[in-house]
Amino acid sequence: MASTFPVNSVTFFIVLLSFCILSVTQSSTIGVKYISLLLEIQDQERALPSVQLSAARGVLNRLIPSHSLSFEFRIVSKKCSKSEIGTLISKFINFARALIL
């Protein structure tokens, strides 16, 4: 009778561990459907690029009207990677510095 106790506790531990792992894997995918739906709705309700640009200019005009003409806004494609966006920004900064000098 004493020999079955360790086997039962090990079996219980393995079953408990497998339930924990299964619950974690299922819970990690629960929100994917909802997030995907929200992203689709957001894409459908997104304003036109011209409206986005005018809104950005309007906000900048209200925040720093004296420097608002120093900024240039462009809409960057979603397909651009972070490194490409960083390259665009650094090229623009270098170009602006060359104009100042």
Protein backbone atom coordinates (compact mmCIF):
# COMPACT_ATOMS: atom_id res chain seq x y z
CA MET A 1 0.00 0.00 0.00
CA ALA A 2 2.89 2.36 0.68
CA SER A 3 4.27 1.79 -2.81
CA THR A 4 1.13 3.13 -4.53
CA PHE A 5 1.26 6.51 -2.78
CA PRO A 6 4.29 7.89 -4.68
CA VAL A 7 2.93 6.61 -7.98
CA ASN A 8 -0.45 8.24 -7.36
CA SER A 9 1.14 11.56 -6.40
CA VAL A 10 3.40 11.53 -9.47
CA THR A 11 0.44 10.68 -11.70
CA PHE A 12 -1.62 13.44 -10.09
CA PHE A 13 1.23 15.91 -10.60
CA ILE A 14 1.59 14.97 -14.28
CA VAL A 15 -2.17 15.28 -14.88
CA LEU A 16 -2.26 18.62 -13.06
CA LEU A 17 0.72 19.89 -15.05
CA SER A 18 -0.85 18.84 -18.36
CA PHE A 19 -4.10 20.66 -17.46
CA CYS A 20 -2.15 23.78 -16.62
CA ILE A 21 -0.27 23.68 -19.91
CA LEU A 22 -3.47 23.10 -21.89
CA SER A 23 -5.27 25.96 -20.16
CA VAL A 24 -2.40 28.34 -20.90
CA THR A 25 -2.27 27.43 -24.58
CA GLN A 26 -6.01 27.85 -25.00
CA SER A 27 -6.14 31.14 -23.12
CA SER A 28 -3.38 32.63 -25.24
CA THR A 29 -5.48 32.30 -28.39
CA ILE A 30 -8.81 33.43 -26.94
CA GLY A 31 -8.27 37.12 -27.67
CA VAL A 32 -6.92 36.67 -31.19
CA LYS A 33 -10.40 36.62 -32.76
CA TYR A 34 -11.46 39.76 -30.92
CA ILE A 35 -8.27 41.65 -31.72
CA SER A 36 -8.52 40.66 -35.39
CA LEU A 37 -12.10 41.90 -35.50
CA LEU A 38 -11.12 45.20 -33.87
CA LEU A 39 -8.27 45.70 -36.34
CA GLU A 40 -10.60 45.05 -39.28
CA ILE A 41 -13.11 47.59 -37.95
CA GLN A 42 -10.32 50.10 -37.39
CA ASP A 43 -9.09 49.65 -40.97
CA GLN A 44 -12.61 50.16 -42.32
CA GLU A 45 -13.18 53.32 -40.29
CA ARG A 46 -9.79 54.87 -40.96
CA ALA A 47 -9.94 58.35 -42.42
CA LEU A 48 -8.57 59.16 -45.85
CA PRO A 49 -4.86 60.04 -46.00
CA SER A 50 -5.63 63.67 -46.83
CA VAL A 51 -7.85 63.93 -43.74
CA GLN A 52 -5.14 62.36 -41.58
CA LEU A 53 -2.55 64.83 -42.85
CA SER A 54 -4.76 67.85 -42.31
CA ALA A 55 -5.60 66.65 -38.80
CA ALA A 56 -1.90 66.24 -37.96
CA ARG A 57 -1.16 69.72 -39.31
CA GLY A 58 -4.06 71.16 -37.30
CA VAL A 59 -2.82 69.61 -34.06
CA LEU A 60 0.70 70.86 -34.69
CA ASN A 61 -0.63 74.35 -35.49
CA ARG A 62 -2.40 74.44 -32.15
CA LEU A 63 0.53 73.09 -30.16
CA ILE A 64 3.43 75.01 -31.66
CA PRO A 65 2.16 77.49 -34.23
CA SER A 66 5.50 79.26 -34.54
CA HIS A 67 7.27 76.08 -35.73
CA SER A 68 4.48 74.29 -37.57
CA LEU A 69 5.85 75.26 -40.98
CA SER A 70 9.11 73.46 -40.13
CA PHE A 71 7.42 70.06 -40.25
CA GLU A 72 6.61 67.92 -43.24
CA PHE A 73 4.09 65.13 -42.94
CA ARG A 74 4.02 62.00 -45.04
CA ILE A 75 2.00 58.84 -44.72
CA VAL A 76 4.26 55.82 -44.57
CA SER A 77 2.95 52.50 -45.84
CA LYS A 78 2.26 49.71 -43.37
CA LYS A 79 4.57 47.56 -45.45
CA CYS A 80 7.61 49.62 -44.47
CA SER A 81 9.69 48.02 -41.78
CA LYS A 82 10.95 49.91 -38.74
CA SER A 83 14.43 50.12 -40.24
CA GLU A 84 13.06 51.68 -43.44
CA ILE A 85 11.12 54.25 -41.42
CA GLY A 86 14.24 55.02 -39.40
CA THR A 87 16.18 55.48 -42.62
CA LEU A 88 13.53 57.89 -43.94
CA ILE A 89 13.69 59.94 -40.76
CA SER A 90 17.48 60.06 -40.64
CA LYS A 91 17.68 61.06 -44.33
CA PHE A 92 15.18 63.84 -43.70
CA ILE A 93 17.10 65.04 -40.61
CA ASN A 94 20.38 65.08 -42.55
CA PHE A 95 18.70 66.94 -45.41
CA ALA A 96 17.26 69.51 -43.00
CA ARG A 97 20.67 70.01 -41.37
CA ALA A 98 22.27 70.57 -44.76
CA LEU A 99 19.69 73.26 -45.50
CA ILE A 100 20.41 75.03 -42.21
CA LEU A 101 24.16 75.05 -42.76
